[in-house]
Amino acid sequence: MRLNNCKIKDRGNSFIQKHGEIWKFIKWSIVTGIGASGVELIVYMLLLKFAFPSLNEVPITNTVLNYIGVKYAGYMYSYLISTTVGYTIAFILNRKVTFKADANPLLSAVYAIILVIFNIFANTWIGSVFSNISVAYHWGSMGDLIIKIIVMAIPSVWTYPANRFIIHRKKKHPAAEETEQTAI
């Protein structure tokens, strides 16, 4: 029995070594998709149903926000706060667990903040536009939940590449640089 477990473990390590990028994407998907997004979703629903229910149908009178489709204060605040919480958790977990980044943490944080600010505004705008549909058709909590999940998934298109190649980089170590130069 022990021998079979070793073979399975060796196959797992072999997969990870051969397909490192796929494995990073899988870990990122789990950390971000289940971990951070799960917390973000819970925070969103709690804020929407308990912190801001009186504001969910209160119109926003700001012309710029109305122009881009943000119409209801409760939804905007819920998206803004929950997205901030989710991205903060994702940054910490992805830096330490997924990519094991060792690049300058301050520079990584600055890049992450730029991405997060963009994503918060994108999520708030996209989420508010979709939430307007939910309010107009009286979809209720289930509609809010489905819309939030869709809105959380959309930024994955640009968030993984930004995390992998810009934010959570690994420094090139002298031994790795020598190996690369000898290979050339």
N, C-alpha and C. Protein backbone atom coordinates (compact mmCIF):
# COMPACT_ATOMS: atom_id res chain seq x y z
N MET A 1 0.83 -1.20 0.00
CA MET A 1 0.00 0.00 0.00
C MET A 1 0.87 1.25 0.00
N ARG A 2 1.91 1.22 0.78
CA ARG A 2 2.79 2.37 0.86
C ARG A 2 3.47 2.63 -0.49
N LEU A 3 3.83 1.57 -1.19
CA LEU A 3 4.47 1.70 -2.49
C LEU A 3 3.54 2.42 -3.48
N ASN A 4 2.25 2.04 -3.47
CA ASN A 4 1.29 2.67 -4.37
C ASN A 4 1.14 4.16 -4.05
N ASN A 5 1.11 4.53 -2.77
CA ASN A 5 1.03 5.94 -2.40
C ASN A 5 2.24 6.71 -2.91
N CYS A 6 3.41 6.10 -2.85
CA CYS A 6 4.63 6.75 -3.35
C CYS A 6 4.53 6.98 -4.85
N LYS A 7 4.00 5.98 -5.57
CA LYS A 7 3.86 6.11 -7.02
C LYS A 7 2.90 7.25 -7.36
N ILE A 8 1.80 7.32 -6.63
CA ILE A 8 0.83 8.39 -6.86
C ILE A 8 1.48 9.74 -6.56
N LYS A 9 2.22 9.81 -5.46
CA LYS A 9 2.88 11.05 -5.10
C LYS A 9 3.91 11.43 -6.16
N ASP A 10 4.67 10.44 -6.65
CA ASP A 10 5.66 10.70 -7.71
C ASP A 10 4.98 11.20 -8.98
N ARG A 11 3.83 10.60 -9.32
CA ARG A 11 3.09 11.06 -10.50
C ARG A 11 2.63 12.50 -10.32
N GLY A 12 2.17 12.84 -9.12
CA GLY A 12 1.74 14.20 -8.84
C GLY A 12 2.89 15.18 -8.96
N ASN A 13 4.05 14.82 -8.40
CA ASN A 13 5.23 15.69 -8.51
C ASN A 13 5.68 15.79 -9.95
N SER A 14 5.60 14.69 -10.69
CA SER A 14 5.99 14.69 -12.09
C SER A 14 5.09 15.64 -12.89
N PHE A 15 3.78 15.59 -12.62
CA PHE A 15 2.84 16.48 -13.30
C PHE A 15 3.19 17.94 -13.01
N ILE A 16 3.45 18.22 -11.75
CA ILE A 16 3.77 19.59 -11.34
C ILE A 16 5.05 20.07 -12.02
N GLN A 17 6.05 19.20 -12.10
CA GLN A 17 7.32 19.59 -12.74
C GLN A 17 7.14 19.79 -14.24
N LYS A 18 6.38 18.92 -14.88
CA LYS A 18 6.20 19.01 -16.33
C LYS A 18 5.25 20.13 -16.75
N HIS A 19 4.29 20.40 -15.90
CA HIS A 19 3.23 21.36 -16.25
C HIS A 19 3.14 22.46 -15.19
N GLY A 20 4.25 23.10 -14.90
CA GLY A 20 4.30 24.11 -13.84
C GLY A 20 3.32 25.25 -14.04
N GLU A 21 3.19 25.72 -15.27
CA GLU A 21 2.29 26.84 -15.53
C GLU A 21 0.83 26.44 -15.34
N ILE A 22 0.49 25.24 -15.77
CA ILE A 22 -0.88 24.77 -15.57
C ILE A 22 -1.16 24.64 -14.08
N TRP A 23 -0.18 24.11 -13.34
CA TRP A 23 -0.34 23.95 -11.89
C TRP A 23 -0.51 25.31 -11.21
N LYS A 24 0.24 26.32 -11.65
CA LYS A 24 0.09 27.66 -11.08
C LYS A 24 -1.31 28.20 -11.34
N PHE A 25 -1.81 27.97 -12.56
CA PHE A 25 -3.16 28.44 -12.89
C PHE A 25 -4.20 27.73 -12.04
N ILE A 26 -4.02 26.43 -11.82
CA ILE A 26 -4.95 25.66 -10.98
C ILE A 26 -4.93 26.21 -9.55
N LYS A 27 -3.72 26.42 -9.00
CA LYS A 27 -3.63 26.96 -7.64
C LYS A 27 -4.24 28.35 -7.57
N TRP A 28 -3.96 29.19 -8.57
CA TRP A 28 -4.52 30.54 -8.60
C TRP A 28 -6.05 30.46 -8.63
N SER A 29 -6.58 29.56 -9.44
CA SER A 29 -8.03 29.41 -9.55
C SER A 29 -8.64 28.98 -8.22
N ILE A 30 -7.96 28.09 -7.51
CA ILE A 30 -8.48 27.63 -6.22
C ILE A 30 -8.38 28.75 -5.18
N VAL A 31 -7.21 29.37 -5.09
CA VAL A 31 -7.00 30.43 -4.09
C VAL A 31 -7.94 31.60 -4.36
N THR A 32 -7.97 32.04 -5.61
CA THR A 32 -8.77 33.20 -5.96
C THR A 32 -10.25 32.84 -6.10
N GLY A 33 -10.51 31.75 -6.83
CA GLY A 33 -11.89 31.38 -7.14
C GLY A 33 -12.68 30.86 -5.96
N ILE A 34 -12.02 30.09 -5.10
CA ILE A 34 -12.74 29.52 -3.97
C ILE A 34 -12.46 30.31 -2.69
N GLY A 35 -11.19 30.53 -2.40
CA GLY A 35 -10.81 31.20 -1.16
C GLY A 35 -11.26 32.64 -1.09
N ALA A 36 -10.58 33.49 -1.84
CA ALA A 36 -10.86 34.93 -1.78
C ALA A 36 -12.25 35.27 -2.31
N SER A 37 -12.65 34.63 -3.38
CA SER A 37 -13.97 34.93 -3.95
C SER A 37 -15.09 34.45 -3.04
N GLY A 38 -14.86 33.34 -2.34
CA GLY A 38 -15.86 32.87 -1.39
C GLY A 38 -16.09 33.88 -0.28
N VAL A 39 -14.99 34.40 0.25
CA VAL A 39 -15.10 35.43 1.30
C VAL A 39 -15.76 36.69 0.71
N GLU A 40 -15.34 37.07 -0.50
CA GLU A 40 -15.93 38.25 -1.14
C GLU A 40 -17.43 38.10 -1.32
N LEU A 41 -17.86 36.93 -1.74
CA LEU A 41 -19.28 36.68 -1.96
C LEU A 41 -20.06 36.75 -0.65
N ILE A 42 -19.52 36.16 0.40
CA ILE A 42 -20.18 36.20 1.71
C ILE A 42 -20.29 37.65 2.22
N VAL A 43 -19.19 38.40 2.11
CA VAL A 43 -19.20 39.80 2.54
C VAL A 43 -20.23 40.59 1.73
N TYR A 44 -20.27 40.37 0.42
CA TYR A 44 -21.21 41.07 -0.44
C TYR A 44 -22.66 40.82 -0.01
N MET A 45 -23.01 39.54 0.17
CA MET A 45 -24.39 39.21 0.53
C MET A 45 -24.75 39.75 1.92
N LEU A 46 -23.80 39.69 2.86
CA LEU A 46 -24.06 40.24 4.21
C LEU A 46 -24.27 41.75 4.15
N LEU A 47 -23.41 42.45 3.39
CA LEU A 47 -23.57 43.90 3.27
C LEU A 47 -24.89 44.25 2.59
N LEU A 48 -25.18 43.54 1.51
CA LEU A 48 -26.38 43.83 0.74
C LEU A 48 -27.65 43.59 1.56
N LYS A 49 -27.66 42.52 2.33
CA LYS A 49 -28.88 42.14 3.05
C LYS A 49 -28.97 42.72 4.46
N PHE A 50 -27.81 43.03 5.09
CA PHE A 50 -27.86 43.48 6.49
C PHE A 50 -27.30 44.89 6.71
N ALA A 51 -26.29 45.29 5.96
CA ALA A 51 -25.69 46.61 6.19
C ALA A 51 -26.39 47.71 5.37
N PHE A 52 -26.74 47.40 4.12
CA PHE A 52 -27.28 48.43 3.24
C PHE A 52 -28.66 48.13 2.65
N PRO A 53 -29.51 47.35 3.29
CA PRO A 53 -30.80 47.03 2.63
C PRO A 53 -31.65 48.27 2.39
N SER A 54 -31.52 49.25 3.25
CA SER A 54 -32.33 50.46 3.07
C SER A 54 -31.83 51.31 1.91
N LEU A 55 -30.61 51.04 1.44
CA LEU A 55 -30.04 51.81 0.33
C LEU A 55 -30.10 51.08 -1.01
N ASN A 56 -30.60 49.84 -1.01
CA ASN A 56 -30.59 49.04 -2.24
C ASN A 56 -31.47 49.59 -3.35
N GLU A 57 -32.44 50.40 -2.99
CA GLU A 57 -33.29 51.00 -4.01
C GLU A 57 -33.24 52.53 -3.96
N VAL A 58 -32.24 53.05 -3.24
CA VAL A 58 -32.05 54.50 -3.17
C VAL A 58 -31.19 54.91 -4.37
N PRO A 59 -31.76 55.73 -5.23
CA PRO A 59 -31.00 56.13 -6.43
C PRO A 59 -29.80 57.02 -6.07
N ILE A 60 -28.75 56.85 -6.85
CA ILE A 60 -27.57 57.72 -6.73
C ILE A 60 -27.83 58.90 -7.65
N THR A 61 -27.59 60.10 -7.16
CA THR A 61 -27.88 61.30 -7.96
C THR A 61 -26.66 61.86 -8.66
N ASN A 62 -25.53 61.18 -8.57
CA ASN A 62 -24.31 61.62 -9.24
C ASN A 62 -24.42 61.35 -10.74
N THR A 63 -24.32 62.38 -11.55
CA THR A 63 -24.50 62.26 -13.00
C THR A 63 -23.48 61.32 -13.62
N VAL A 64 -22.22 61.42 -13.20
CA VAL A 64 -21.17 60.57 -13.77
C VAL A 64 -21.45 59.10 -13.46
N LEU A 65 -21.77 58.80 -12.20
CA LEU A 65 -22.07 57.41 -11.83
C LEU A 65 -23.31 56.91 -12.57
N ASN A 66 -24.32 57.74 -12.69
CA ASN A 66 -25.52 57.35 -13.43
C ASN A 66 -25.20 57.09 -14.90
N TYR A 67 -24.34 57.91 -15.46
CA TYR A 67 -23.97 57.76 -16.87
C TYR A 67 -23.33 56.40 -17.13
N ILE A 68 -22.49 55.92 -16.19
CA ILE A 68 -21.83 54.62 -16.40
C ILE A 68 -22.67 53.46 -15.87
N GLY A 69 -23.87 53.73 -15.40
CA GLY A 69 -24.80 52.66 -15.02
C GLY A 69 -24.89 52.36 -13.55
N VAL A 70 -24.19 53.10 -12.69
CA VAL A 70 -24.27 52.88 -11.24
C VAL A 70 -25.45 53.70 -10.75
N LYS A 71 -26.52 53.00 -10.31
CA LYS A 71 -27.76 53.71 -9.99
C LYS A 71 -28.20 53.60 -8.54
N TYR A 72 -27.80 52.54 -7.82
CA TYR A 72 -28.31 52.32 -6.48
C TYR A 72 -27.17 52.27 -5.47
N ALA A 73 -27.30 53.03 -4.41
CA ALA A 73 -26.23 53.20 -3.42
C ALA A 73 -25.88 51.89 -2.70
N GLY A 74 -26.86 51.13 -2.27
CA GLY A 74 -26.59 49.88 -1.54
C GLY A 74 -25.77 48.90 -2.35
N TYR A 75 -26.11 48.77 -3.62
CA TYR A 75 -25.35 47.86 -4.49
C TYR A 75 -23.94 48.37 -4.71
N MET A 76 -23.79 49.66 -4.93
CA MET A 76 -22.47 50.22 -5.16
C MET A 76 -21.57 50.01 -3.94
N TYR A 77 -22.07 50.32 -2.75
CA TYR A 77 -21.27 50.14 -1.54
C TYR A 77 -20.93 48.67 -1.31
N SER A 78 -21.90 47.81 -1.53
CA SER A 78 -21.66 46.37 -1.33
C SER A 78 -20.60 45.85 -2.29
N TYR A 79 -20.67 46.24 -3.56
CA TYR A 79 -19.66 45.82 -4.53
C TYR A 79 -18.30 46.40 -4.17
N LEU A 80 -18.25 47.64 -3.83
CA LEU A 80 -16.99 48.31 -3.53
C LEU A 80 -16.28 47.67 -2.34
N ILE A 81 -16.99 47.47 -1.26
CA ILE A 81 -16.38 46.92 -0.04
C ILE A 81 -16.02 45.45 -0.22
N SER A 82 -16.92 44.65 -0.76
CA SER A 82 -16.66 43.21 -0.89
C SER A 82 -15.52 42.95 -1.87
N THR A 83 -15.44 43.71 -2.94
CA THR A 83 -14.36 43.54 -3.91
C THR A 83 -13.02 43.90 -3.28
N THR A 84 -12.99 44.95 -2.48
CA THR A 84 -11.75 45.34 -1.80
C THR A 84 -11.28 44.22 -0.86
N VAL A 85 -12.20 43.66 -0.09
CA VAL A 85 -11.85 42.56 0.82
C VAL A 85 -11.33 41.35 0.03
N GLY A 86 -12.04 40.98 -1.01
CA GLY A 86 -11.65 39.81 -1.82
C GLY A 86 -10.27 39.96 -2.44
N TYR A 87 -9.98 41.12 -3.02
CA TYR A 87 -8.68 41.31 -3.66
C TYR A 87 -7.54 41.39 -2.65
N THR A 88 -7.81 41.89 -1.47
CA THR A 88 -6.77 41.93 -0.43
C THR A 88 -6.38 40.52 -0.02
N ILE A 89 -7.36 39.68 0.21
CA ILE A 89 -7.10 38.29 0.57
C ILE A 89 -6.38 37.57 -0.58
N ALA A 90 -6.84 37.79 -1.80
CA ALA A 90 -6.21 37.15 -2.96
C ALA A 90 -4.75 37.55 -3.11
N PHE A 91 -4.43 38.82 -2.88
CA PHE A 91 -3.04 39.28 -2.99
C PHE A 91 -2.15 38.51 -2.03
N ILE A 92 -2.57 38.44 -0.79
CA ILE A 92 -1.74 37.80 0.24
C ILE A 92 -1.58 36.31 -0.05
N LEU A 93 -2.67 35.62 -0.34
CA LEU A 93 -2.59 34.18 -0.60
C LEU A 93 -1.82 33.87 -1.87
N ASN A 94 -2.05 34.63 -2.94
CA ASN A 94 -1.34 34.36 -4.18
C ASN A 94 0.15 34.64 -4.06
N ARG A 95 0.51 35.68 -3.34
CA ARG A 95 1.93 35.98 -3.16
C ARG A 95 2.64 34.87 -2.41
N LYS A 96 2.01 34.38 -1.35
CA LYS A 96 2.66 33.38 -0.48
C LYS A 96 2.46 31.94 -0.95
N VAL A 97 1.28 31.60 -1.45
CA VAL A 97 0.95 30.21 -1.74
C VAL A 97 1.10 29.87 -3.23
N THR A 98 0.46 30.64 -4.09
CA THR A 98 0.40 30.28 -5.50
C THR A 98 1.71 30.52 -6.22
N PHE A 99 2.21 31.74 -6.16
CA PHE A 99 3.39 32.09 -6.96
C PHE A 99 4.68 32.11 -6.16
N LYS A 100 4.58 32.06 -4.84
CA LYS A 100 5.76 32.10 -3.96
C LYS A 100 6.72 33.21 -4.41
N ALA A 101 6.15 34.39 -4.59
CA ALA A 101 6.88 35.53 -5.12
C ALA A 101 7.95 36.00 -4.14
N ASP A 102 9.07 36.41 -4.70
CA ASP A 102 10.13 36.97 -3.87
C ASP A 102 10.59 38.33 -4.40
N ALA A 103 9.87 38.86 -5.37
CA ALA A 103 10.19 40.19 -5.88
C ALA A 103 9.85 41.21 -4.80
N ASN A 104 10.31 42.41 -4.98
CA ASN A 104 10.10 43.49 -4.02
C ASN A 104 8.62 43.56 -3.62
N PRO A 105 8.31 43.30 -2.35
CA PRO A 105 6.90 43.29 -1.93
C PRO A 105 6.23 44.65 -2.06
N LEU A 106 6.98 45.72 -1.86
CA LEU A 106 6.40 47.05 -1.99
C LEU A 106 6.01 47.33 -3.45
N LEU A 107 6.89 47.00 -4.37
CA LEU A 107 6.59 47.19 -5.79
C LEU A 107 5.42 46.30 -6.20
N SER A 108 5.42 45.06 -5.73
CA SER A 108 4.30 44.16 -6.03
C SER A 108 2.99 44.73 -5.49
N ALA A 109 3.04 45.29 -4.29
CA ALA A 109 1.84 45.87 -3.69
C ALA A 109 1.35 47.07 -4.51
N VAL A 110 2.27 47.89 -4.99
CA VAL A 110 1.88 49.05 -5.82
C VAL A 110 1.20 48.56 -7.10
N TYR A 111 1.81 47.57 -7.77
CA TYR A 111 1.18 47.00 -8.98
C TYR A 111 -0.20 46.42 -8.66
N ALA A 112 -0.27 45.71 -7.53
CA ALA A 112 -1.54 45.09 -7.14
C ALA A 112 -2.59 46.16 -6.84
N ILE A 113 -2.19 47.24 -6.19
CA ILE A 113 -3.14 48.31 -5.88
C ILE A 113 -3.68 48.94 -7.16
N ILE A 114 -2.81 49.14 -8.14
CA ILE A 114 -3.27 49.68 -9.43
C ILE A 114 -4.29 48.74 -10.07
N LEU A 115 -3.97 47.44 -10.07
CA LEU A 115 -4.90 46.46 -10.63
C LEU A 115 -6.19 46.41 -9.83
N VAL A 116 -6.08 46.44 -8.52
CA VAL A 116 -7.26 46.38 -7.65
C VAL A 116 -8.15 47.60 -7.86
N ILE A 117 -7.56 48.78 -7.95
CA ILE A 117 -8.37 49.98 -8.18
C ILE A 117 -9.12 49.86 -9.50
N PHE A 118 -8.41 49.42 -10.53
CA PHE A 118 -9.07 49.21 -11.82
C PHE A 118 -10.19 48.18 -11.68
N ASN A 119 -9.88 47.04 -11.02
CA ASN A 119 -10.88 45.98 -10.88
C ASN A 119 -12.05 46.40 -10.00
N ILE A 120 -11.80 47.16 -8.97
CA ILE A 120 -12.90 47.62 -8.12
C ILE A 120 -13.86 48.49 -8.92
N PHE A 121 -13.30 49.42 -9.68
CA PHE A 121 -14.18 50.26 -10.49
C PHE A 121 -14.86 49.44 -11.58
N ALA A 122 -14.13 48.51 -12.21
CA ALA A 122 -14.74 47.66 -13.24
C ALA A 122 -15.83 46.78 -12.62
N ASN A 123 -15.54 46.15 -11.47
CA ASN A 123 -16.54 45.31 -10.80
C ASN A 123 -17.74 46.12 -10.34
N THR A 124 -17.49 47.29 -9.78
CA THR A 124 -18.59 48.12 -9.30
C THR A 124 -19.46 48.56 -10.47
N TRP A 125 -18.82 48.97 -11.56
CA TRP A 125 -19.58 49.40 -12.74
C TRP A 125 -20.33 48.23 -13.37
N ILE A 126 -19.61 47.14 -13.65
CA ILE A 126 -20.25 45.97 -14.29
C ILE A 126 -21.35 45.42 -13.37
N GLY A 127 -21.02 45.32 -12.06
CA GLY A 127 -21.99 44.79 -11.10
C GLY A 127 -23.23 45.66 -11.00
N SER A 128 -23.04 46.97 -10.98
CA SER A 128 -24.19 47.87 -10.89
C SER A 128 -25.07 47.78 -12.13
N VAL A 129 -24.44 47.68 -13.28
CA VAL A 129 -25.21 47.55 -14.53
C VAL A 129 -26.05 46.28 -14.49
N PHE A 130 -25.42 45.16 -14.10
CA PHE A 130 -26.17 43.90 -14.01
C PHE A 130 -27.22 43.95 -12.89
N SER A 131 -26.88 44.59 -11.78
CA SER A 131 -27.83 44.67 -10.66
C SER A 131 -29.07 45.48 -11.04
N ASN A 132 -28.90 46.46 -11.92
CA ASN A 132 -30.06 47.22 -12.39
C ASN A 132 -31.08 46.29 -13.03
N ILE A 133 -30.58 45.27 -13.72
CA ILE A 133 -31.47 44.29 -14.35
C ILE A 133 -32.20 43.51 -13.27
N SER A 134 -31.45 43.09 -12.24
CA SER A 134 -32.04 42.33 -11.13
C SER A 134 -33.13 43.14 -10.43
N VAL A 135 -32.87 44.42 -10.21
CA VAL A 135 -33.86 45.28 -9.55
C VAL A 135 -35.07 45.48 -10.46
N ALA A 136 -34.81 45.73 -11.75
CA ALA A 136 -35.91 46.00 -12.69
C ALA A 136 -36.84 44.79 -12.83
N TYR A 137 -36.27 43.59 -12.80
CA TYR A 137 -37.08 42.38 -12.99
C TYR A 137 -37.43 41.68 -11.67
N HIS A 138 -37.06 42.30 -10.54
CA HIS A 138 -37.38 41.77 -9.21
C HIS A 138 -36.89 40.33 -9.04
N TRP A 139 -35.61 40.09 -9.37
CA TRP A 139 -35.04 38.75 -9.26
C TRP A 139 -34.72 38.37 -7.82
N GLY A 140 -34.60 39.35 -6.96
CA GLY A 140 -34.37 39.06 -5.54
C GLY A 140 -32.97 38.56 -5.24
N SER A 141 -32.84 37.88 -4.11
CA SER A 141 -31.53 37.44 -3.62
C SER A 141 -30.84 36.47 -4.56
N MET A 142 -31.58 35.56 -5.16
CA MET A 142 -30.95 34.59 -6.08
C MET A 142 -30.37 35.31 -7.29
N GLY A 143 -31.08 36.29 -7.80
CA GLY A 143 -30.56 37.08 -8.92
C GLY A 143 -29.31 37.85 -8.52
N ASP A 144 -29.33 38.44 -7.30
CA ASP A 144 -28.16 39.16 -6.80
C ASP A 144 -26.95 38.23 -6.69
N LEU A 145 -27.18 37.02 -6.19
CA LEU A 145 -26.10 36.05 -6.02
C LEU A 145 -25.52 35.63 -7.37
N ILE A 146 -26.37 35.29 -8.31
CA ILE A 146 -25.90 34.87 -9.64
C ILE A 146 -25.15 35.99 -10.34
N ILE A 147 -25.68 37.19 -10.26
CA ILE A 147 -25.02 38.33 -10.89
C ILE A 147 -23.65 38.58 -10.26
N LYS A 148 -23.55 38.50 -8.95
CA LYS A 148 -22.26 38.72 -8.28
C LYS A 148 -21.24 37.69 -8.73
N ILE A 149 -21.64 36.43 -8.86
CA ILE A 149 -20.72 35.38 -9.31
C ILE A 149 -20.23 35.67 -10.73
N ILE A 150 -21.12 36.06 -11.60
CA ILE A 150 -20.73 36.39 -12.99
C ILE A 150 -19.78 37.58 -13.00
N VAL A 151 -20.11 38.60 -12.24
CA VAL A 151 -19.28 39.81 -12.20
C VAL A 151 -17.90 39.52 -11.60
N MET A 152 -17.84 38.62 -10.64
CA MET A 152 -16.54 38.25 -10.05
C MET A 152 -15.68 37.47 -11.06
N ALA A 153 -16.30 36.72 -11.96
CA ALA A 153 -15.56 35.89 -12.91
C ALA A 153 -14.98 36.70 -14.08
N ILE A 154 -15.64 37.75 -14.47
CA ILE A 154 -15.22 38.52 -15.65
C ILE A 154 -13.77 39.03 -15.56
N PRO A 155 -13.34 39.64 -14.46
CA PRO A 155 -11.97 40.15 -14.41
C PRO A 155 -10.87 39.07 -14.43
N SER A 156 -11.23 37.80 -14.30
CA SER A 156 -10.23 36.74 -14.36
C SER A 156 -9.48 36.74 -15.68
N VAL A 157 -10.13 37.25 -16.72
CA VAL A 157 -9.51 37.29 -18.04
C VAL A 157 -8.20 38.08 -18.01
N TRP A 158 -8.17 39.17 -17.27
CA TRP A 158 -6.95 39.97 -17.21
C TRP A 158 -6.22 39.86 -15.87
N THR A 159 -6.88 39.36 -14.85
CA THR A 159 -6.27 39.32 -13.52
C THR A 159 -5.20 38.24 -13.39
N TYR A 160 -5.43 37.04 -13.93
CA TYR A 160 -4.40 36.00 -13.83
C TYR A 160 -3.12 36.42 -14.52
N PRO A 161 -3.15 36.85 -15.78
CA PRO A 161 -1.88 37.25 -16.41
C PRO A 161 -1.18 38.39 -15.66
N ALA A 162 -1.94 39.33 -15.14
CA ALA A 162 -1.32 40.43 -14.39
C ALA A 162 -0.67 39.91 -13.11
N ASN A 163 -1.33 39.00 -12.41
CA ASN A 163 -0.75 38.42 -11.20
C ASN A 163 0.48 37.60 -11.52
N ARG A 164 0.41 36.77 -12.52
CA ARG A 164 1.50 35.85 -12.86
C ARG A 164 2.73 36.56 -13.38
N PHE A 165 2.55 37.51 -14.28
CA PHE A 165 3.70 38.08 -14.98
C PHE A 165 4.12 39.47 -14.51
N ILE A 166 3.30 40.16 -13.74
CA ILE A 166 3.65 41.51 -13.32
C ILE A 166 3.74 41.62 -11.80
N ILE A 167 2.71 41.20 -11.11
CA ILE A 167 2.63 41.45 -9.66
C ILE A 167 3.46 40.47 -8.85
N HIS A 168 3.28 39.18 -9.08
CA HIS A 168 3.91 38.16 -8.23
C HIS A 168 5.07 37.47 -8.96
N ARG A 169 6.06 38.24 -9.28
CA ARG A 169 7.22 37.69 -9.99
C ARG A 169 8.22 37.11 -9.01
N LYS A 170 9.08 36.29 -9.54
CA LYS A 170 10.21 35.79 -8.76
C LYS A 170 11.46 36.46 -9.30
N LYS A 171 12.36 36.80 -8.38
CA LYS A 171 13.64 37.39 -8.79
C LYS A 171 14.44 36.33 -9.54
N LYS A 172 15.23 36.78 -10.48
CA LYS A 172 16.17 35.86 -11.11
C LYS A 172 17.37 35.76 -10.18
N HIS A 173 17.66 34.54 -9.79
CA HIS A 173 18.79 34.32 -8.90
C HIS A 173 20.05 34.09 -9.73
N PRO A 174 21.22 34.47 -9.22
CA PRO A 174 22.47 34.34 -9.99
C PRO A 174 22.67 32.94 -10.58
N ALA A 175 22.36 31.89 -9.84
CA ALA A 175 22.55 30.53 -10.34
C ALA A 175 21.64 30.27 -11.54
N ALA A 176 20.42 30.78 -11.49
CA ALA A 176 19.48 30.60 -12.60
C ALA A 176 19.94 31.37 -13.82
N GLU A 177 20.50 32.58 -13.62
CA GLU A 177 20.99 33.37 -14.75
C GLU A 177 22.18 32.68 -15.42
N GLU A 178 23.08 32.09 -14.62
CA GLU A 178 24.23 31.38 -15.18
C GLU A 178 23.76 30.17 -16.00
N THR A 179 22.79 29.45 -15.50
CA THR A 179 22.25 28.29 -16.22
C THR A 179 21.65 28.73 -17.53
N GLU A 180 20.91 29.84 -17.53
CA GLU A 180 20.30 30.35 -18.77
C GLU A 180 21.37 30.75 -19.76
N GLN A 181 22.43 31.41 -19.31
CA GLN A 181 23.49 31.87 -20.20
C GLN A 181 24.26 30.67 -20.77
N THR A 182 24.50 29.63 -19.99
CA THR A 182 25.21 28.46 -20.48
C THR A 182 24.35 27.71 -21.49
N ALA A 183 23.03 27.74 -21.30
CA ALA A 183 22.15 27.04 -22.22
C ALA A 183 22.12 27.73 -23.58
N ILE A 184 22.38 29.02 -23.59
CA ILE A 184 22.35 29.78 -24.85
C ILE A 184 23.63 29.54 -25.55
